[in-house]
Amino acid sequence: MMIAAAVALEPATEPSIEPQLRQHGWAPLGRLLNPEQCQQLINLFDQPQHFRRHIRMEQFRFGRGEYQYFADPLPELVAQLRTQLYAPLAAPASRWMADLGLPEEYPPTLNEFLARCHQAGQTRPTPLLLRYQEGDYNCLHQDLYGSVVFPFQVVIGLNAPGRDFEGGELLLTEQRPRAQSMGQVIPLGQGEAVVITTRYRPVPSQRGFYRANVRHGVSPLRAGLRHTLGLIFHDAQ
């Protein structure tokens, strides 16, 4: 099945997303997909030829619901989104890691970064399509698939909240040293995207920065059907 290219891929520019990423651990990228493109992606879920693995969350105690990892070659729209969204995040990602005291710099293009993943034995694509029905949820987690990790990932909503489903909010929790966890609910309309931190957030302190551990998940769906596209930039072992 061929999917048309995105009508507009205009994520917020680097200077505008970095302050919110640093302050909250997430930043909105605006509406990247129109309803037709969202439906085209949703339709792929029942076409197994596009995927390399199908996960039922309950089986692994990840929550309830299901998701599938795309196989290579990625659908055109998924590949385009992943490539174009990586570019404005590469430089902020390098600065982020420097503040965390981690010796990692990221090349300007996704192909260069994936080559690094493949050299480390991480060769399986990680973009995924998730489906939640009434009562489904996703436990708090981090998407780490090997030694090479990109510090940001993107989530795109494919259904319309309030019309297609109720509940199922995207959640972000942050654990700071010697403090209780803080939770955030991230709004996500149909076709809208947010970038979230994958693992840590650098938090300023009197001695520089410390690492705040961040996890994300999805609250229980109260009604309807919810699909999301997850764009993880590092590949898996």
C-alpha atoms as a PDB file:
ATOM      1  CA  MET A   1       0.000   0.000   0.000  1.00  0.00           C
ATOM      2  CA  MET A   2       1.456   3.352  -1.014  1.00  0.00           C
ATOM      3  CA  ILE A   3       0.962   6.359   1.239  1.00  0.00           C
ATOM      4  CA  ALA A   4       1.148   9.852  -0.173  1.00  0.00           C
ATOM      5  CA  ALA A   5       3.902  12.131   1.076  1.00  0.00           C
ATOM      6  CA  ALA A   6       3.007  14.510   3.868  1.00  0.00           C
ATOM      7  CA  VAL A   7       1.390  17.719   2.713  1.00  0.00           C
ATOM      8  CA  ALA A   8       3.502  19.692   5.156  1.00  0.00           C
ATOM      9  CA  LEU A   9       6.342  18.697   7.409  1.00  0.00           C
ATOM     10  CA  GLU A  10       7.003  21.872   9.319  1.00  0.00           C
ATOM     11  CA  PRO A  11       7.947  21.022  12.904  1.00  0.00           C
ATOM     12  CA  ALA A  12       8.764  23.919  15.170  1.00  0.00           C
ATOM     13  CA  THR A  13      12.253  25.211  14.568  1.00  0.00           C
ATOM     14  CA  GLU A  14      15.126  24.254  16.852  1.00  0.00           C
ATOM     15  CA  PRO A  15      15.286  27.537  18.828  1.00  0.00           C
ATOM     16  CA  SER A  16      11.577  27.365  19.685  1.00  0.00           C
ATOM     17  CA  ILE A  17      11.407  23.725  20.805  1.00  0.00           C
ATOM     18  CA  GLU A  18      14.603  23.523  22.846  1.00  0.00           C
ATOM     19  CA  PRO A  19      13.557  25.807  25.755  1.00  0.00           C
ATOM     20  CA  GLN A  20      10.342  23.850  26.370  1.00  0.00           C
ATOM     21  CA  LEU A  21      12.152  20.529  25.995  1.00  0.00           C
ATOM     22  CA  ARG A  22      14.611  21.638  28.638  1.00  0.00           C
ATOM     23  CA  GLN A  23      11.963  22.975  30.983  1.00  0.00           C
ATOM     24  CA  HIS A  24       9.358  20.219  30.702  1.00  0.00           C
ATOM     25  CA  GLY A  25      10.952  17.223  28.953  1.00  0.00           C
ATOM     26  CA  TRP A  26       8.561  17.573  25.989  1.00  0.00           C
ATOM     27  CA  ALA A  27       7.613  20.107  23.328  1.00  0.00           C
ATOM     28  CA  PRO A  28       4.765  20.354  20.783  1.00  0.00           C
ATOM     29  CA  LEU A  29       5.595  20.087  17.089  1.00  0.00           C
ATOM     30  CA  GLY A  30       2.174  21.114  15.808  1.00  0.00           C
ATOM     31  CA  ARG A  31      -0.089  19.306  13.359  1.00  0.00           C
ATOM     32  CA  LEU A  32       2.043  17.284  10.925  1.00  0.00           C
ATOM     33  CA  LEU A  33      -0.588  15.014   9.353  1.00  0.00           C
ATOM     34  CA  ASN A  34      -4.031  15.617   7.904  1.00  0.00           C
ATOM     35  CA  PRO A  35      -6.983  13.282   8.717  1.00  0.00           C
ATOM     36  CA  GLU A  36      -6.549  11.307   5.488  1.00  0.00           C
ATOM     37  CA  GLN A  37      -2.903  10.585   6.252  1.00  0.00           C
ATOM     38  CA  CYS A  38      -3.818   9.592   9.792  1.00  0.00           C
ATOM     39  CA  GLN A  39      -6.392   7.126   8.480  1.00  0.00           C
ATOM     40  CA  GLN A  40      -3.923   5.699   5.964  1.00  0.00           C
ATOM     41  CA  LEU A  41      -1.518   4.938   8.790  1.00  0.00           C
ATOM     42  CA  ILE A  42      -4.285   3.464  10.962  1.00  0.00           C
ATOM     43  CA  ASN A  43      -5.265   1.151   8.084  1.00  0.00           C
ATOM     44  CA  LEU A  44      -1.753  -0.313   8.038  1.00  0.00           C
ATOM     45  CA  PHE A  45      -2.271  -1.887  11.457  1.00  0.00           C
ATOM     46  CA  ASP A  46      -4.250  -4.780   9.945  1.00  0.00           C
ATOM     47  CA  GLN A  47      -1.746  -5.361   7.135  1.00  0.00           C
ATOM     48  CA  PRO A  48       0.925  -7.615   8.695  1.00  0.00           C
ATOM     49  CA  GLN A  49       3.277  -7.383   5.712  1.00  0.00           C
ATOM     50  CA  HIS A  50       4.354  -3.934   6.914  1.00  0.00           C
ATOM     51  CA  PHE A  51       5.568  -5.116  10.331  1.00  0.00           C
ATOM     52  CA  ARG A  52       8.372  -7.188  11.818  1.00  0.00           C
ATOM     53  CA  ARG A  53       6.855  -7.864  15.244  1.00  0.00           C
ATOM     54  CA  HIS A  54       3.436  -7.703  16.925  1.00  0.00           C
ATOM     55  CA  ILE A  55       3.344  -7.142  20.701  1.00  0.00           C
ATOM     56  CA  ARG A  56       0.337  -7.712  22.948  1.00  0.00           C
ATOM     57  CA  MET A  57       1.188  -5.677  26.036  1.00  0.00           C
ATOM     58  CA  GLU A  58      -0.671  -7.827  28.547  1.00  0.00           C
ATOM     59  CA  GLN A  59       1.488 -10.841  27.671  1.00  0.00           C
ATOM     60  CA  PHE A  60       4.630  -9.002  28.839  1.00  0.00           C
ATOM     61  CA  ARG A  61       2.953  -7.025  31.649  1.00  0.00           C
ATOM     62  CA  PHE A  62       3.527  -3.784  29.724  1.00  0.00           C
ATOM     63  CA  GLY A  63      -0.126  -2.802  30.197  1.00  0.00           C
ATOM     64  CA  ARG A  64      -3.065  -3.607  27.912  1.00  0.00           C
ATOM     65  CA  GLY A  65      -3.295  -2.970  24.200  1.00  0.00           C
ATOM     66  CA  GLU A  66      -1.085  -3.851  21.265  1.00  0.00           C
ATOM     67  CA  TYR A  67       1.589  -2.385  19.043  1.00  0.00           C
ATOM     68  CA  GLN A  68       3.612  -3.380  16.019  1.00  0.00           C
ATOM     69  CA  TYR A  69       7.133  -2.494  14.935  1.00  0.00           C
ATOM     70  CA  PHE A  70       7.435  -1.558  11.273  1.00  0.00           C
ATOM     71  CA  ALA A  71       9.701  -3.655   9.063  1.00  0.00           C
ATOM     72  CA  ASP A  72      12.208  -2.360   6.540  1.00  0.00           C
ATOM     73  CA  PRO A  73      11.597  -0.740   4.174  1.00  0.00           C
ATOM     74  CA  LEU A  74       9.460   1.627   6.219  1.00  0.00           C
ATOM     75  CA  PRO A  75       6.272   2.986   4.607  1.00  0.00           C
ATOM     76  CA  GLU A  76       7.144   6.157   2.703  1.00  0.00           C
ATOM     77  CA  LEU A  77       5.362   8.536   5.060  1.00  0.00           C
ATOM     78  CA  VAL A  78       6.854   6.940   8.186  1.00  0.00           C
ATOM     79  CA  ALA A  79      10.358   7.087   6.683  1.00  0.00           C
ATOM     80  CA  GLN A  80       9.880  10.706   5.631  1.00  0.00           C
ATOM     81  CA  LEU A  81       8.669  11.761   9.058  1.00  0.00           C
ATOM     82  CA  ARG A  82      11.519   9.978  10.815  1.00  0.00           C
ATOM     83  CA  THR A  83      14.156  11.486   8.536  1.00  0.00           C
ATOM     84  CA  GLN A  84      12.866  15.054   8.565  1.00  0.00           C
ATOM     85  CA  LEU A  85      12.106  15.160  12.287  1.00  0.00           C
ATOM     86  CA  TYR A  86      15.565  13.902  13.246  1.00  0.00           C
ATOM     87  CA  ALA A  87      17.421  16.795  11.593  1.00  0.00           C
ATOM     88  CA  PRO A  88      16.232  19.711  13.816  1.00  0.00           C
ATOM     89  CA  LEU A  89      16.694  17.565  16.930  1.00  0.00           C
ATOM     90  CA  ALA A  90      20.295  16.484  16.352  1.00  0.00           C
ATOM     91  CA  ALA A  91      22.047  19.642  17.611  1.00  0.00           C
ATOM     92  CA  PRO A  92      19.803  20.035  20.708  1.00  0.00           C
ATOM     93  CA  ALA A  93      20.411  16.343  21.417  1.00  0.00           C
ATOM     94  CA  SER A  94      24.178  16.873  21.417  1.00  0.00           C
ATOM     95  CA  ARG A  95      23.887  19.838  23.778  1.00  0.00           C
ATOM     96  CA  TRP A  96      21.524  17.827  25.989  1.00  0.00           C
ATOM     97  CA  MET A  97      24.058  15.014  26.334  1.00  0.00           C
ATOM     98  CA  ALA A  98      26.901  17.439  27.028  1.00  0.00           C
ATOM     99  CA  ASP A  99      24.915  18.926  29.914  1.00  0.00           C
ATOM    100  CA  LEU A 100      24.298  15.429  31.242  1.00  0.00           C
ATOM    101  CA  GLY A 101      28.041  14.770  31.191  1.00  0.00           C
ATOM    102  CA  LEU A 102      27.662  12.001  28.616  1.00  0.00           C
ATOM    103  CA  PRO A 103      30.198  11.822  25.740  1.00  0.00           C
ATOM    104  CA  GLU A 104      27.766  11.583  22.843  1.00  0.00           C
ATOM    105  CA  GLU A 105      27.359  13.821  19.817  1.00  0.00           C
ATOM    106  CA  TYR A 106      24.812  13.245  17.087  1.00  0.00           C
ATOM    107  CA  PRO A 107      25.434  13.644  13.338  1.00  0.00           C
ATOM    108  CA  PRO A 108      23.203  16.016  11.365  1.00  0.00           C
ATOM    109  CA  THR A 109      21.389  13.344   9.320  1.00  0.00           C
ATOM    110  CA  LEU A 110      19.407  10.265  10.270  1.00  0.00           C
ATOM    111  CA  ASN A 111      21.333   8.062   7.829  1.00  0.00           C
ATOM    112  CA  GLU A 112      24.595   8.904   9.567  1.00  0.00           C
ATOM    113  CA  PHE A 113      23.080   8.191  12.959  1.00  0.00           C
ATOM    114  CA  LEU A 114      21.589   4.874  11.814  1.00  0.00           C
ATOM    115  CA  ALA A 115      24.990   3.852  10.485  1.00  0.00           C
ATOM    116  CA  ARG A 116      26.285   4.306  14.034  1.00  0.00           C
ATOM    117  CA  CYS A 117      23.434   2.143  15.342  1.00  0.00           C
ATOM    118  CA  HIS A 118      24.211  -0.576  12.825  1.00  0.00           C
ATOM    119  CA  GLN A 119      27.901  -0.566  13.759  1.00  0.00           C
ATOM    120  CA  ALA A 120      26.786  -1.290  17.326  1.00  0.00           C
ATOM    121  CA  GLY A 121      24.653  -4.235  16.173  1.00  0.00           C
ATOM    122  CA  GLN A 122      21.352  -2.302  16.311  1.00  0.00           C
ATOM    123  CA  THR A 123      19.849  -3.047  12.901  1.00  0.00           C
ATOM    124  CA  ARG A 124      16.098  -3.522  13.472  1.00  0.00           C
ATOM    125  CA  PRO A 125      13.797  -0.518  12.828  1.00  0.00           C
ATOM    126  CA  THR A 126      11.901   0.832  15.832  1.00  0.00           C
ATOM    127  CA  PRO A 127       9.069   3.075  14.508  1.00  0.00           C
ATOM    128  CA  LEU A 128       5.835   1.540  15.747  1.00  0.00           C
ATOM    129  CA  LEU A 129       2.073   1.771  15.463  1.00  0.00           C
ATOM    130  CA  LEU A 130       0.053   1.427  18.677  1.00  0.00           C
ATOM    131  CA  ARG A 131      -3.628   0.544  19.147  1.00  0.00           C
ATOM    132  CA  TYR A 132      -5.661   1.008  22.343  1.00  0.00           C
ATOM    133  CA  GLN A 133      -9.280  -0.019  22.954  1.00  0.00           C
ATOM    134  CA  GLU A 134     -11.516   0.581  25.975  1.00  0.00           C
ATOM    135  CA  GLY A 135      -9.655  -0.316  29.172  1.00  0.00           C
ATOM    136  CA  ASP A 136      -6.235  -0.426  27.504  1.00  0.00           C
ATOM    137  CA  TYR A 137      -3.245   1.459  28.871  1.00  0.00           C
ATOM    138  CA  ASN A 138       0.546   1.559  28.636  1.00  0.00           C
ATOM    139  CA  CYS A 139       2.707   1.282  31.740  1.00  0.00           C
ATOM    140  CA  LEU A 140       5.399   3.876  32.359  1.00  0.00           C
ATOM    141  CA  HIS A 141       8.557   2.898  30.487  1.00  0.00           C
ATOM    142  CA  GLN A 142      11.595   3.979  28.464  1.00  0.00           C
ATOM    143  CA  ASP A 143      12.284   2.881  24.879  1.00  0.00           C
ATOM    144  CA  LEU A 144      15.898   1.693  25.089  1.00  0.00           C
ATOM    145  CA  TYR A 145      17.047  -0.948  22.609  1.00  0.00           C
ATOM    146  CA  GLY A 146      20.841  -1.051  22.907  1.00  0.00           C
ATOM    147  CA  SER A 147      23.895   0.993  23.779  1.00  0.00           C
ATOM    148  CA  VAL A 148      23.171   3.685  21.169  1.00  0.00           C
ATOM    149  CA  VAL A 149      20.226   5.854  22.263  1.00  0.00           C
ATOM    150  CA  PHE A 150      18.869   9.094  20.806  1.00  0.00           C
ATOM    151  CA  PRO A 151      17.624  11.268  23.696  1.00  0.00           C
ATOM    152  CA  PHE A 152      14.359  12.321  22.006  1.00  0.00           C
ATOM    153  CA  GLN A 153      11.458  10.541  20.316  1.00  0.00           C
ATOM    154  CA  VAL A 154       8.248  11.729  18.665  1.00  0.00           C
ATOM    155  CA  VAL A 155       4.638  10.642  19.243  1.00  0.00           C
ATOM    156  CA  ILE A 156       1.897  11.492  16.721  1.00  0.00           C
ATOM    157  CA  GLY A 157      -1.818  11.116  17.486  1.00  0.00           C
ATOM    158  CA  LEU A 158      -3.849   9.475  14.707  1.00  0.00           C
ATOM    159  CA  ASN A 159      -7.362   9.615  16.198  1.00  0.00           C
ATOM    160  CA  ALA A 160      -9.357  12.614  17.403  1.00  0.00           C
ATOM    161  CA  PRO A 161      -9.803  12.811  21.204  1.00  0.00           C
ATOM    162  CA  GLY A 162     -13.378  13.472  22.255  1.00  0.00           C
ATOM    163  CA  ARG A 163     -14.692  12.076  18.977  1.00  0.00           C
ATOM    164  CA  ASP A 164     -12.913   8.745  18.512  1.00  0.00           C
ATOM    165  CA  PHE A 165     -11.949   8.040  22.109  1.00  0.00           C
ATOM    166  CA  GLU A 166     -12.042   9.233  25.710  1.00  0.00           C
ATOM    167  CA  GLY A 167      -9.142   9.015  28.145  1.00  0.00           C
ATOM    168  CA  GLY A 168      -5.900   7.522  26.892  1.00  0.00           C
ATOM    169  CA  GLU A 169      -3.797  10.592  27.711  1.00  0.00           C
ATOM    170  CA  LEU A 170      -0.067  10.596  27.031  1.00  0.00           C
ATOM    171  CA  LEU A 171       1.735  10.706  30.388  1.00  0.00           C
ATOM    172  CA  LEU A 172       5.240  11.782  31.352  1.00  0.00           C
ATOM    173  CA  THR A 173       6.732  11.266  34.825  1.00  0.00           C
ATOM    174  CA  GLU A 174      10.018  12.622  36.119  1.00  0.00           C
ATOM    175  CA  GLN A 175      11.962  11.344  39.114  1.00  0.00           C
ATOM    176  CA  ARG A 176      14.358  13.824  40.680  1.00  0.00           C
ATOM    177  CA  PRO A 177      16.978  12.808  43.246  1.00  0.00           C
ATOM    178  CA  ARG A 178      15.650  12.801  46.822  1.00  0.00           C
ATOM    179  CA  ALA A 179      12.236  14.052  45.654  1.00  0.00           C
ATOM    180  CA  GLN A 180       8.854  12.604  44.719  1.00  0.00           C
ATOM    181  CA  SER A 181       7.995  11.978  41.066  1.00  0.00           C
ATOM    182  CA  MET A 182       6.250  14.680  39.064  1.00  0.00           C
ATOM    183  CA  GLY A 183       3.663  13.764  36.433  1.00  0.00           C
ATOM    184  CA  GLN A 184       2.491  15.601  33.317  1.00  0.00           C
ATOM    185  CA  VAL A 185      -0.412  15.021  30.916  1.00  0.00           C
ATOM    186  CA  ILE A 186       0.487  15.891  27.324  1.00  0.00           C
ATOM    187  CA  PRO A 187      -2.348  16.963  24.984  1.00  0.00           C
ATOM    188  CA  LEU A 188      -2.304  15.301  21.571  1.00  0.00           C
ATOM    189  CA  GLY A 189      -4.904  15.992  18.894  1.00  0.00           C
ATOM    190  CA  GLN A 190      -5.367  14.158  15.604  1.00  0.00           C
ATOM    191  CA  GLY A 191      -2.285  14.595  13.438  1.00  0.00           C
ATOM    192  CA  GLU A 192      -0.458  16.499  16.174  1.00  0.00           C
ATOM    193  CA  ALA A 193       3.050  15.550  17.268  1.00  0.00           C
ATOM    194  CA  VAL A 194       5.076  15.987  20.426  1.00  0.00           C
ATOM    195  CA  VAL A 195       8.750  15.333  21.039  1.00  0.00           C
ATOM    196  CA  ILE A 196       9.557  13.799  24.421  1.00  0.00           C
ATOM    197  CA  THR A 197      12.761  12.859  26.168  1.00  0.00           C
ATOM    198  CA  THR A 198      13.672   9.191  25.888  1.00  0.00           C
ATOM    199  CA  ARG A 199      15.505   8.682  29.172  1.00  0.00           C
ATOM    200  CA  TYR A 200      16.932  11.667  31.084  1.00  0.00           C
ATOM    201  CA  ARG A 201      16.411  15.408  31.323  1.00  0.00           C
ATOM    202  CA  PRO A 202      19.253  17.740  32.375  1.00  0.00           C
ATOM    203  CA  VAL A 203      18.054  19.837  35.317  1.00  0.00           C
ATOM    204  CA  PRO A 204      20.097  22.916  36.325  1.00  0.00           C
ATOM    205  CA  SER A 205      21.592  22.922  39.813  1.00  0.00           C
ATOM    206  CA  GLN A 206      24.199  24.903  41.745  1.00  0.00           C
ATOM    207  CA  ARG A 207      26.836  22.445  40.525  1.00  0.00           C
ATOM    208  CA  GLY A 208      25.795  22.381  36.877  1.00  0.00           C
ATOM    209  CA  PHE A 209      23.206  19.800  35.831  1.00  0.00           C
ATOM    210  CA  TYR A 210      21.875  16.545  37.224  1.00  0.00           C
ATOM    211  CA  ARG A 211      19.972  13.764  35.478  1.00  0.00           C
ATOM    212  CA  ALA A 212      16.236  13.535  36.086  1.00  0.00           C
ATOM    213  CA  ASN A 213      14.957  10.113  35.066  1.00  0.00           C
ATOM    214  CA  VAL A 214      11.899  10.328  32.778  1.00  0.00           C
ATOM    215  CA  ARG A 215       9.360   7.670  31.782  1.00  0.00           C
ATOM    216  CA  HIS A 216       6.262   7.857  29.613  1.00  0.00           C
ATOM    217  CA  GLY A 217       3.040   5.896  29.263  1.00  0.00           C
ATOM    218  CA  VAL A 218      -0.670   6.144  28.434  1.00  0.00           C
ATOM    219  CA  SER A 219      -3.581   6.372  30.896  1.00  0.00           C
ATOM    220  CA  PRO A 220      -6.502   3.898  30.590  1.00  0.00           C
ATOM    221  CA  LEU A 221      -8.793   4.447  27.624  1.00  0.00           C
ATOM    222  CA  ARG A 222     -12.325   5.021  28.887  1.00  0.00           C
ATOM    223  CA  ALA A 223     -14.050   4.534  25.525  1.00  0.00           C
ATOM    224  CA  GLY A 224     -13.401   4.261  21.803  1.00  0.00           C
ATOM    225  CA  LEU A 225     -10.284   3.450  19.802  1.00  0.00           C
ATOM    226  CA  ARG A 226      -6.924   5.241  19.864  1.00  0.00           C
ATOM    227  CA  HIS A 227      -3.944   4.818  17.505  1.00  0.00           C
ATOM    228  CA  THR A 228      -0.590   6.560  17.715  1.00  0.00           C
ATOM    229  CA  LEU A 229       2.573   6.539  15.643  1.00  0.00           C
ATOM    230  CA  GLY A 230       5.793   6.336  17.638  1.00  0.00           C
ATOM    231  CA  LEU A 231       9.008   7.516  15.992  1.00  0.00           C
ATOM    232  CA  ILE A 232      12.057   6.253  17.840  1.00  0.00           C
ATOM    233  CA  PHE A 233      15.229   7.305  16.077  1.00  0.00           C
ATOM    234  CA  HIS A 234      17.691   4.643  17.274  1.00  0.00           C
ATOM    235  CA  ASP A 235      17.339   1.128  15.881  1.00  0.00           C
ATOM    236  CA  ALA A 236      17.179  -2.012  18.029  1.00  0.00           C
ATOM    237  CA  GLN A 237      19.461  -4.981  18.534  1.00  0.00           C
END
